């Protein structure tokens, strides 16, 4: 499949069309019968099933009603709405520089009450010091060849992360122990970052767990993701930032987070892991 953005959008539409087609087939009705039940032309059913015409939310409701599949409406509507932006390529977001990328999520942060963050690679953005963020974003900018606005991007990240100081919100973090060990910056900067983690653990509205290397796992290490309340998930990979809004997707990531959280150490045990990582800096 081509990697340009339009092909990704088309693939999402084709996936949705395929789901609608399967719903019709499971109901045991033809495209003509579906059209009669929905009150539209048979050609419209065909265009939707073959991803030539994106369905409206009303079309999806009518389709599911005709097939006695009303329980699938929420997921299908969410998939329809995110088809154009659920799998946004990082390079499209970063075309205007890293500062814009950092600032773009500010409104989302302000309207979220509970954050659940799992990371397997780097310190979560919420918890980064300016020194650590500078080293990380400089590495990203160099790798991707984006505009060199790292200083502005760091400032935007730190301003965005002021939300962590709001005691009316709830933050739950689960980190793999490897996150404490990856050397993405100098020893002095990393020591300051780990010290900041220890201070964050004192905040009453923050729960920070660390999954030790030696822990017997109930689930495997996963790519980084963030759950915003029960309404949205951001899941990151090397080439894409996926925004997930389907109820079944949110439930899946929420369940994954709770399983990962069960494997994590908290309190004094988590502090000991951070202290060990600090001592290893020499």
C-alpha atoms as a PDB file:
ATOM      1  CA  UNK A   1       0.000   0.000   0.000  1.00  0.00           C
ATOM      2  CA  UNK A   2       1.387   3.465  -0.819  1.00  0.00           C
ATOM      3  CA  UNK A   3       2.589   5.405   2.222  1.00  0.00           C
ATOM      4  CA  UNK A   4       1.261   8.835   1.271  1.00  0.00           C
ATOM      5  CA  UNK A   5      -1.463  10.298   3.526  1.00  0.00           C
ATOM      6  CA  UNK A   6      -4.382   9.944   1.066  1.00  0.00           C
ATOM      7  CA  UNK A   7      -3.799   6.177   0.899  1.00  0.00           C
ATOM      8  CA  UNK A   8      -4.041   5.954   4.683  1.00  0.00           C
ATOM      9  CA  UNK A   9      -7.321   7.840   4.622  1.00  0.00           C
ATOM     10  CA  UNK A  10      -8.633   5.593   1.850  1.00  0.00           C
ATOM     11  CA  UNK A  11      -7.553   2.487   3.752  1.00  0.00           C
ATOM     12  CA  UNK A  12      -9.513   3.637   6.799  1.00  0.00           C
ATOM     13  CA  UNK A  13     -12.558   4.184   4.593  1.00  0.00           C
ATOM     14  CA  UNK A  14     -12.163   0.750   3.044  1.00  0.00           C
ATOM     15  CA  UNK A  15     -11.937  -0.837   6.482  1.00  0.00           C
ATOM     16  CA  UNK A  16     -15.171   0.876   7.504  1.00  0.00           C
ATOM     17  CA  UNK A  17     -16.856  -0.168   4.259  1.00  0.00           C
ATOM     18  CA  UNK A  18     -15.753  -3.741   4.864  1.00  0.00           C
ATOM     19  CA  UNK A  19     -17.287  -3.731   8.337  1.00  0.00           C
ATOM     20  CA  UNK A  20     -20.596  -2.445   6.955  1.00  0.00           C
ATOM     21  CA  UNK A  21     -20.551  -5.108   4.250  1.00  0.00           C
ATOM     22  CA  UNK A  22     -19.998  -7.849   6.841  1.00  0.00           C
ATOM     23  CA  UNK A  23     -22.868  -6.514   8.954  1.00  0.00           C
ATOM     24  CA  UNK A  24     -25.167  -6.749   5.929  1.00  0.00           C
ATOM     25  CA  UNK A  25     -24.009 -10.264   5.115  1.00  0.00           C
ATOM     26  CA  UNK A  26     -24.388 -11.383   8.733  1.00  0.00           C
ATOM     27  CA  UNK A  27     -27.972 -10.095   8.601  1.00  0.00           C
ATOM     28  CA  UNK A  28     -28.567 -12.274   5.531  1.00  0.00           C
ATOM     29  CA  UNK A  29     -29.908  -9.523   3.303  1.00  0.00           C
ATOM     30  CA  UNK A  30     -28.916  -8.301  -0.143  1.00  0.00           C
ATOM     31  CA  UNK A  31     -27.759  -4.847  -1.083  1.00  0.00           C
ATOM     32  CA  UNK A  32     -31.144  -4.292  -2.736  1.00  0.00           C
ATOM     33  CA  UNK A  33     -33.043  -5.283   0.419  1.00  0.00           C
ATOM     34  CA  UNK A  34     -30.801  -3.058   2.504  1.00  0.00           C
ATOM     35  CA  UNK A  35     -31.553  -0.136   0.200  1.00  0.00           C
ATOM     36  CA  UNK A  36     -35.299  -0.746   0.520  1.00  0.00           C
ATOM     37  CA  UNK A  37     -35.093  -0.861   4.314  1.00  0.00           C
ATOM     38  CA  UNK A  38     -32.979   2.309   4.413  1.00  0.00           C
ATOM     39  CA  UNK A  39     -35.077   4.179   1.854  1.00  0.00           C
ATOM     40  CA  UNK A  40     -32.302   4.926  -0.601  1.00  0.00           C
ATOM     41  CA  UNK A  41     -31.082   3.614  -3.971  1.00  0.00           C
ATOM     42  CA  UNK A  42     -29.295   0.292  -4.389  1.00  0.00           C
ATOM     43  CA  UNK A  43     -26.415   2.151  -6.016  1.00  0.00           C
ATOM     44  CA  UNK A  44     -25.883   4.098  -2.787  1.00  0.00           C
ATOM     45  CA  UNK A  45     -25.490   0.859  -0.847  1.00  0.00           C
ATOM     46  CA  UNK A  46     -22.951  -0.305  -3.423  1.00  0.00           C
ATOM     47  CA  UNK A  47     -20.990   2.957  -3.304  1.00  0.00           C
ATOM     48  CA  UNK A  48     -20.773   2.810   0.491  1.00  0.00           C
ATOM     49  CA  UNK A  49     -19.779  -0.872   0.555  1.00  0.00           C
ATOM     50  CA  UNK A  50     -17.049  -0.264  -2.013  1.00  0.00           C
ATOM     51  CA  UNK A  51     -15.702   2.823  -0.227  1.00  0.00           C
ATOM     52  CA  UNK A  52     -16.545   5.102  -3.137  1.00  0.00           C
ATOM     53  CA  UNK A  53     -18.853   7.260  -1.003  1.00  0.00           C
ATOM     54  CA  UNK A  54     -18.097   7.909   2.687  1.00  0.00           C
ATOM     55  CA  UNK A  55     -21.281   7.300   4.724  1.00  0.00           C
ATOM     56  CA  UNK A  56     -22.729   9.964   6.991  1.00  0.00           C
ATOM     57  CA  UNK A  57     -23.466   9.235  10.638  1.00  0.00           C
ATOM     58  CA  UNK A  58     -27.160   9.015   9.667  1.00  0.00           C
ATOM     59  CA  UNK A  59     -26.304   6.487   6.947  1.00  0.00           C
ATOM     60  CA  UNK A  60     -24.495   4.301   9.472  1.00  0.00           C
ATOM     61  CA  UNK A  61     -27.412   4.434  11.889  1.00  0.00           C
ATOM     62  CA  UNK A  62     -29.856   3.500   9.134  1.00  0.00           C
ATOM     63  CA  UNK A  63     -27.589   0.680   7.899  1.00  0.00           C
ATOM     64  CA  UNK A  64     -27.255  -0.849  11.351  1.00  0.00           C
ATOM     65  CA  UNK A  65     -30.976  -0.447  12.072  1.00  0.00           C
ATOM     66  CA  UNK A  66     -31.787  -2.274   8.832  1.00  0.00           C
ATOM     67  CA  UNK A  67     -29.442  -5.106   9.822  1.00  0.00           C
ATOM     68  CA  UNK A  68     -30.544  -5.273  13.474  1.00  0.00           C
ATOM     69  CA  UNK A  69     -27.036  -4.261  14.561  1.00  0.00           C
ATOM     70  CA  UNK A  70     -27.702  -1.078  16.545  1.00  0.00           C
ATOM     71  CA  UNK A  71     -25.091  -2.117  19.126  1.00  0.00           C
ATOM     72  CA  UNK A  72     -22.338  -1.479  16.555  1.00  0.00           C
ATOM     73  CA  UNK A  73     -23.345   2.108  15.811  1.00  0.00           C
ATOM     74  CA  UNK A  74     -21.031   3.890  18.343  1.00  0.00           C
ATOM     75  CA  UNK A  75     -17.877   2.144  17.103  1.00  0.00           C
ATOM     76  CA  UNK A  76     -18.730   2.616  13.452  1.00  0.00           C
ATOM     77  CA  UNK A  77     -19.524   6.308  13.822  1.00  0.00           C
ATOM     78  CA  UNK A  78     -16.291   6.854  15.728  1.00  0.00           C
ATOM     79  CA  UNK A  79     -14.371   5.013  12.998  1.00  0.00           C
ATOM     80  CA  UNK A  80     -16.078   7.134  10.353  1.00  0.00           C
ATOM     81  CA  UNK A  81     -15.167  10.381  12.073  1.00  0.00           C
ATOM     82  CA  UNK A  82     -11.562   9.438  12.606  1.00  0.00           C
ATOM     83  CA  UNK A  83     -10.985   7.982   9.136  1.00  0.00           C
ATOM     84  CA  UNK A  84      -9.265  11.151   7.947  1.00  0.00           C
ATOM     85  CA  UNK A  85      -7.052  11.690  10.981  1.00  0.00           C
ATOM     86  CA  UNK A  86      -6.829   8.545  13.125  1.00  0.00           C
ATOM     87  CA  UNK A  87      -3.430   7.631  11.702  1.00  0.00           C
ATOM     88  CA  UNK A  88      -1.722  10.979  11.126  1.00  0.00           C
ATOM     89  CA  UNK A  89       1.861  10.788   9.918  1.00  0.00           C
ATOM     90  CA  UNK A  90       4.306  12.541  12.218  1.00  0.00           C
ATOM     91  CA  UNK A  91       5.937  14.313   9.332  1.00  0.00           C
ATOM     92  CA  UNK A  92       2.651  16.044   8.480  1.00  0.00           C
ATOM     93  CA  UNK A  93       2.263  17.267  12.048  1.00  0.00           C
ATOM     94  CA  UNK A  94       5.889  18.327  12.249  1.00  0.00           C
ATOM     95  CA  UNK A  95       5.973  20.198   8.946  1.00  0.00           C
ATOM     96  CA  UNK A  96       5.463  23.454  10.851  1.00  0.00           C
ATOM     97  CA  UNK A  97       8.141  22.587  13.422  1.00  0.00           C
ATOM     98  CA  UNK A  98       8.171  20.871  16.802  1.00  0.00           C
ATOM     99  CA  UNK A  99       6.863  23.925  18.682  1.00  0.00           C
ATOM    100  CA  UNK A 100       3.556  23.709  16.819  1.00  0.00           C
ATOM    101  CA  UNK A 101       3.339  19.990  17.567  1.00  0.00           C
ATOM    102  CA  UNK A 102       3.813  20.588  21.312  1.00  0.00           C
ATOM    103  CA  UNK A 103       1.246  23.376  21.454  1.00  0.00           C
ATOM    104  CA  UNK A 104      -1.348  21.518  19.378  1.00  0.00           C
ATOM    105  CA  UNK A 105      -2.466  19.327  22.305  1.00  0.00           C
ATOM    106  CA  UNK A 106      -2.798  22.142  24.834  1.00  0.00           C
ATOM    107  CA  UNK A 107      -6.590  22.367  24.666  1.00  0.00           C
ATOM    108  CA  UNK A 108      -6.944  18.601  25.050  1.00  0.00           C
ATOM    109  CA  UNK A 109      -4.806  18.699  28.191  1.00  0.00           C
ATOM    110  CA  UNK A 110      -6.936  21.462  29.676  1.00  0.00           C
ATOM    111  CA  UNK A 111     -10.235  19.596  29.266  1.00  0.00           C
ATOM    112  CA  UNK A 112      -9.069  16.188  30.533  1.00  0.00           C
ATOM    113  CA  UNK A 113      -9.716  15.208  34.162  1.00  0.00           C
ATOM    114  CA  UNK A 114      -7.887  11.866  34.337  1.00  0.00           C
ATOM    115  CA  UNK A 115      -4.724  10.981  32.423  1.00  0.00           C
ATOM    116  CA  UNK A 116      -3.448   7.412  32.151  1.00  0.00           C
ATOM    117  CA  UNK A 117       0.013   7.290  30.612  1.00  0.00           C
ATOM    118  CA  UNK A 118       2.088   4.212  29.817  1.00  0.00           C
ATOM    119  CA  UNK A 119       5.623   4.579  28.458  1.00  0.00           C
ATOM    120  CA  UNK A 120       8.150   1.964  27.440  1.00  0.00           C
ATOM    121  CA  UNK A 121      10.824   4.154  25.853  1.00  0.00           C
ATOM    122  CA  UNK A 122      11.341   7.688  27.274  1.00  0.00           C
ATOM    123  CA  UNK A 123      10.316   9.773  30.281  1.00  0.00           C
ATOM    124  CA  UNK A 124       6.683  10.876  29.750  1.00  0.00           C
ATOM    125  CA  UNK A 125       6.365  14.380  28.336  1.00  0.00           C
ATOM    126  CA  UNK A 126       4.368  15.420  31.403  1.00  0.00           C
ATOM    127  CA  UNK A 127       7.335  14.627  33.643  1.00  0.00           C
ATOM    128  CA  UNK A 128      10.252  15.871  31.551  1.00  0.00           C
ATOM    129  CA  UNK A 129      12.642  18.538  32.774  1.00  0.00           C
ATOM    130  CA  UNK A 130      13.643  21.205  30.278  1.00  0.00           C
ATOM    131  CA  UNK A 131      17.113  19.673  29.974  1.00  0.00           C
ATOM    132  CA  UNK A 132      15.808  16.198  29.194  1.00  0.00           C
ATOM    133  CA  UNK A 133      13.162  17.574  26.811  1.00  0.00           C
ATOM    134  CA  UNK A 134      15.816  19.599  24.986  1.00  0.00           C
ATOM    135  CA  UNK A 135      17.989  16.523  24.424  1.00  0.00           C
ATOM    136  CA  UNK A 136      15.037  14.386  23.323  1.00  0.00           C
ATOM    137  CA  UNK A 137      13.462  16.933  20.970  1.00  0.00           C
ATOM    138  CA  UNK A 138      16.853  17.806  19.450  1.00  0.00           C
ATOM    139  CA  UNK A 139      17.310  14.116  18.674  1.00  0.00           C
ATOM    140  CA  UNK A 140      13.847  13.932  17.101  1.00  0.00           C
ATOM    141  CA  UNK A 141      14.408  17.086  15.029  1.00  0.00           C
ATOM    142  CA  UNK A 142      17.755  15.796  13.744  1.00  0.00           C
ATOM    143  CA  UNK A 143      16.344  12.361  12.900  1.00  0.00           C
ATOM    144  CA  UNK A 144      13.296  13.699  11.074  1.00  0.00           C
ATOM    145  CA  UNK A 145      14.912  16.770   9.530  1.00  0.00           C
ATOM    146  CA  UNK A 146      12.265  19.130  10.917  1.00  0.00           C
ATOM    147  CA  UNK A 147      12.764  22.895  11.396  1.00  0.00           C
ATOM    148  CA  UNK A 148      15.250  23.669  14.182  1.00  0.00           C
ATOM    149  CA  UNK A 149      12.910  25.226  16.751  1.00  0.00           C
ATOM    150  CA  UNK A 150      13.821  22.968  19.665  1.00  0.00           C
ATOM    151  CA  UNK A 151      14.097  25.812  22.175  1.00  0.00           C
ATOM    152  CA  UNK A 152      10.599  27.066  21.348  1.00  0.00           C
ATOM    153  CA  UNK A 153       9.271  23.499  21.368  1.00  0.00           C
ATOM    154  CA  UNK A 154      10.702  22.891  24.842  1.00  0.00           C
ATOM    155  CA  UNK A 155       9.135  26.121  26.111  1.00  0.00           C
ATOM    156  CA  UNK A 156       5.782  25.045  24.658  1.00  0.00           C
ATOM    157  CA  UNK A 157       6.073  21.601  26.275  1.00  0.00           C
ATOM    158  CA  UNK A 158       6.888  23.047  29.693  1.00  0.00           C
ATOM    159  CA  UNK A 159       3.957  25.486  29.466  1.00  0.00           C
ATOM    160  CA  UNK A 160       1.648  22.687  28.387  1.00  0.00           C
ATOM    161  CA  UNK A 161       2.822  20.513  31.252  1.00  0.00           C
ATOM    162  CA  UNK A 162       1.819  23.124  33.833  1.00  0.00           C
ATOM    163  CA  UNK A 163      -1.425  21.153  33.946  1.00  0.00           C
ATOM    164  CA  UNK A 164       0.434  18.650  36.153  1.00  0.00           C
ATOM    165  CA  UNK A 165       0.300  21.197  38.967  1.00  0.00           C
ATOM    166  CA  UNK A 166      -3.497  21.217  39.001  1.00  0.00           C
ATOM    167  CA  UNK A 167      -4.426  19.219  42.093  1.00  0.00           C
ATOM    168  CA  UNK A 168      -8.014  18.777  40.908  1.00  0.00           C
ATOM    169  CA  UNK A 169      -6.814  16.474  38.112  1.00  0.00           C
ATOM    170  CA  UNK A 170      -5.618  12.894  38.383  1.00  0.00           C
ATOM    171  CA  UNK A 171      -2.498  11.496  36.751  1.00  0.00           C
ATOM    172  CA  UNK A 172      -1.552   7.835  36.596  1.00  0.00           C
ATOM    173  CA  UNK A 173       1.802   6.895  35.080  1.00  0.00           C
ATOM    174  CA  UNK A 174       3.230   3.439  34.413  1.00  0.00           C
ATOM    175  CA  UNK A 175       6.861   3.306  33.251  1.00  0.00           C
ATOM    176  CA  UNK A 176       9.007   0.381  32.218  1.00  0.00           C
ATOM    177  CA  UNK A 177      12.232   0.306  34.241  1.00  0.00           C
ATOM    178  CA  UNK A 178      14.151   0.679  30.971  1.00  0.00           C
ATOM    179  CA  UNK A 179      12.861   4.258  30.769  1.00  0.00           C
ATOM    180  CA  UNK A 180      15.049   5.099  33.783  1.00  0.00           C
ATOM    181  CA  UNK A 181      18.119   3.626  32.130  1.00  0.00           C
ATOM    182  CA  UNK A 182      18.087   4.887  28.550  1.00  0.00           C
ATOM    183  CA  UNK A 183      20.834   7.539  28.166  1.00  0.00           C
ATOM    184  CA  UNK A 184      19.248  10.166  25.944  1.00  0.00           C
ATOM    185  CA  UNK A 185      21.213  12.978  27.572  1.00  0.00           C
ATOM    186  CA  UNK A 186      24.312  13.573  29.698  1.00  0.00           C
ATOM    187  CA  UNK A 187      24.677  12.109  33.188  1.00  0.00           C
ATOM    188  CA  UNK A 188      24.051  15.436  34.928  1.00  0.00           C
ATOM    189  CA  UNK A 189      20.882  16.111  32.947  1.00  0.00           C
ATOM    190  CA  UNK A 190      19.659  12.559  33.517  1.00  0.00           C
ATOM    191  CA  UNK A 191      20.330  12.836  37.243  1.00  0.00           C
ATOM    192  CA  UNK A 192      18.229  16.002  37.373  1.00  0.00           C
ATOM    193  CA  UNK A 193      15.473  14.231  35.456  1.00  0.00           C
ATOM    194  CA  UNK A 194      15.417  11.257  37.798  1.00  0.00           C
ATOM    195  CA  UNK A 195      15.415  13.616  40.773  1.00  0.00           C
ATOM    196  CA  UNK A 196      12.382  15.327  39.280  1.00  0.00           C
ATOM    197  CA  UNK A 197      10.628  11.960  39.066  1.00  0.00           C
ATOM    198  CA  UNK A 198      11.199  11.434  42.787  1.00  0.00           C
ATOM    199  CA  UNK A 199       9.687  14.839  43.568  1.00  0.00           C
ATOM    200  CA  UNK A 200       6.685  14.098  41.351  1.00  0.00           C
ATOM    201  CA  UNK A 201       5.958  10.974  43.382  1.00  0.00           C
ATOM    202  CA  UNK A 202       5.181  13.243  46.357  1.00  0.00           C
ATOM    203  CA  UNK A 203       2.233  14.879  44.605  1.00  0.00           C
ATOM    204  CA  UNK A 204      -1.015  13.508  46.081  1.00  0.00           C
ATOM    205  CA  UNK A 205      -2.856  13.532  42.746  1.00  0.00           C
ATOM    206  CA  UNK A 206      -0.102  11.620  40.922  1.00  0.00           C
ATOM    207  CA  UNK A 207       0.345   7.834  40.976  1.00  0.00           C
ATOM    208  CA  UNK A 208       3.640   6.742  39.427  1.00  0.00           C
ATOM    209  CA  UNK A 209       4.408   3.057  39.010  1.00  0.00           C
ATOM    210  CA  UNK A 210       7.475   1.385  37.529  1.00  0.00           C
ATOM    211  CA  UNK A 211       7.519  -2.144  36.120  1.00  0.00           C
ATOM    212  CA  UNK A 212      10.819  -3.754  37.227  1.00  0.00           C
ATOM    213  CA  UNK A 213      12.961  -5.745  34.820  1.00  0.00           C
ATOM    214  CA  UNK A 214      12.593  -8.774  37.103  1.00  0.00           C
ATOM    215  CA  UNK A 215       8.804  -8.594  37.374  1.00  0.00           C
ATOM    216  CA  UNK A 216       6.890 -11.661  36.219  1.00  0.00           C
ATOM    217  CA  UNK A 217       4.712 -10.091  33.541  1.00  0.00           C
ATOM    218  CA  UNK A 218       0.986 -10.519  33.074  1.00  0.00           C
ATOM    219  CA  UNK A 219       1.184  -8.534  29.796  1.00  0.00           C
ATOM    220  CA  UNK A 220       4.068  -7.736  27.481  1.00  0.00           C
ATOM    221  CA  UNK A 221       5.785  -4.333  27.078  1.00  0.00           C
ATOM    222  CA  UNK A 222       3.819  -2.227  24.593  1.00  0.00           C
ATOM    223  CA  UNK A 223       4.320   0.950  22.552  1.00  0.00           C
ATOM    224  CA  UNK A 224       3.674   4.170  24.445  1.00  0.00           C
ATOM    225  CA  UNK A 225       0.074   5.376  24.769  1.00  0.00           C
ATOM    226  CA  UNK A 226      -2.018   7.909  26.695  1.00  0.00           C
ATOM    227  CA  UNK A 227      -5.691   7.589  27.629  1.00  0.00           C
ATOM    228  CA  UNK A 228      -7.540  10.901  28.089  1.00  0.00           C
ATOM    229  CA  UNK A 229     -10.482  10.249  30.416  1.00  0.00           C
ATOM    230  CA  UNK A 230     -12.561   7.610  28.648  1.00  0.00           C
ATOM    231  CA  UNK A 231     -12.894   9.573  25.426  1.00  0.00           C
ATOM    232  CA  UNK A 232      -9.634   9.414  23.477  1.00  0.00           C
ATOM    233  CA  UNK A 233      -6.352   7.526  23.149  1.00  0.00           C
ATOM    234  CA  UNK A 234      -3.075   8.682  21.620  1.00  0.00           C
ATOM    235  CA  UNK A 235      -0.913   5.733  20.553  1.00  0.00           C
ATOM    236  CA  UNK A 236       2.490   6.480  19.033  1.00  0.00           C
ATOM    237  CA  UNK A 237       4.721   4.551  16.663  1.00  0.00           C
ATOM    238  CA  UNK A 238       7.851   5.548  14.763  1.00  0.00           C
ATOM    239  CA  UNK A 239       5.964   6.718  11.683  1.00  0.00           C
ATOM    240  CA  UNK A 240       2.582   7.753  13.037  1.00  0.00           C
ATOM    241  CA  UNK A 241       0.530   9.282  15.820  1.00  0.00           C
ATOM    242  CA  UNK A 242      -2.786   7.476  16.061  1.00  0.00           C
ATOM    243  CA  UNK A 243      -5.789   9.193  17.610  1.00  0.00           C
ATOM    244  CA  UNK A 244      -8.305   6.538  18.646  1.00  0.00           C
ATOM    245  CA  UNK A 245     -11.884   7.377  19.571  1.00  0.00           C
ATOM    246  CA  UNK A 246     -13.894   4.198  19.013  1.00  0.00           C
ATOM    247  CA  UNK A 247     -15.388   2.977  22.321  1.00  0.00           C
ATOM    248  CA  UNK A 248     -13.983  -0.521  21.768  1.00  0.00           C
ATOM    249  CA  UNK A 249     -10.491   0.911  21.162  1.00  0.00           C
ATOM    250  CA  UNK A 250     -10.638   3.056  24.293  1.00  0.00           C
ATOM    251  CA  UNK A 251     -11.838   0.068  26.323  1.00  0.00           C
ATOM    252  CA  UNK A 252      -8.984  -2.059  24.949  1.00  0.00           C
ATOM    253  CA  UNK A 253      -6.297   0.480  25.870  1.00  0.00           C
ATOM    254  CA  UNK A 254      -7.909   1.135  29.241  1.00  0.00           C
ATOM    255  CA  UNK A 255      -7.821  -2.590  29.975  1.00  0.00           C
ATOM    256  CA  UNK A 256      -4.198  -2.779  28.845  1.00  0.00           C
ATOM    257  CA  UNK A 257      -3.276   0.104  31.148  1.00  0.00           C
ATOM    258  CA  UNK A 258      -4.896  -1.541  34.166  1.00  0.00           C
ATOM    259  CA  UNK A 259      -3.081  -4.811  33.480  1.00  0.00           C
ATOM    260  CA  UNK A 260       0.241  -3.007  33.123  1.00  0.00           C
ATOM    261  CA  UNK A 261      -0.455  -1.049  36.308  1.00  0.00           C
ATOM    262  CA  UNK A 262      -0.888  -4.319  38.184  1.00  0.00           C
ATOM    263  CA  UNK A 263       2.676  -5.287  37.273  1.00  0.00           C
ATOM    264  CA  UNK A 264       4.154  -1.991  38.490  1.00  0.00           C
ATOM    265  CA  UNK A 265       5.893  -1.190  41.767  1.00  0.00           C
ATOM    266  CA  UNK A 266       4.777   1.884  43.694  1.00  0.00           C
ATOM    267  CA  UNK A 267       5.856   3.897  46.712  1.00  0.00           C
ATOM    268  CA  UNK A 268       9.146   2.936  48.312  1.00  0.00           C
ATOM    269  CA  UNK A 269       9.711   0.080  45.849  1.00  0.00           C
ATOM    270  CA  UNK A 270       9.409   2.479  42.887  1.00  0.00           C
ATOM    271  CA  UNK A 271      11.655   5.009  44.623  1.00  0.00           C
ATOM    272  CA  UNK A 272      14.280   2.304  45.081  1.00  0.00           C
ATOM    273  CA  UNK A 273      14.284   1.623  41.331  1.00  0.00           C
ATOM    274  CA  UNK A 274      14.819   5.324  40.602  1.00  0.00           C
ATOM    275  CA  UNK A 275      17.578   5.496  43.224  1.00  0.00           C
ATOM    276  CA  UNK A 276      19.321   2.516  41.598  1.00  0.00           C
ATOM    277  CA  UNK A 277      19.170   4.223  38.235  1.00  0.00           C
ATOM    278  CA  UNK A 278      20.612   7.382  39.769  1.00  0.00           C
ATOM    279  CA  UNK A 279      23.460   5.440  41.345  1.00  0.00           C
ATOM    280  CA  UNK A 280      24.282   3.820  38.001  1.00  0.00           C
ATOM    281  CA  UNK A 281      25.050   7.251  36.527  1.00  0.00           C
ATOM    282  CA  UNK A 282      28.314   7.259  38.480  1.00  0.00           C
END
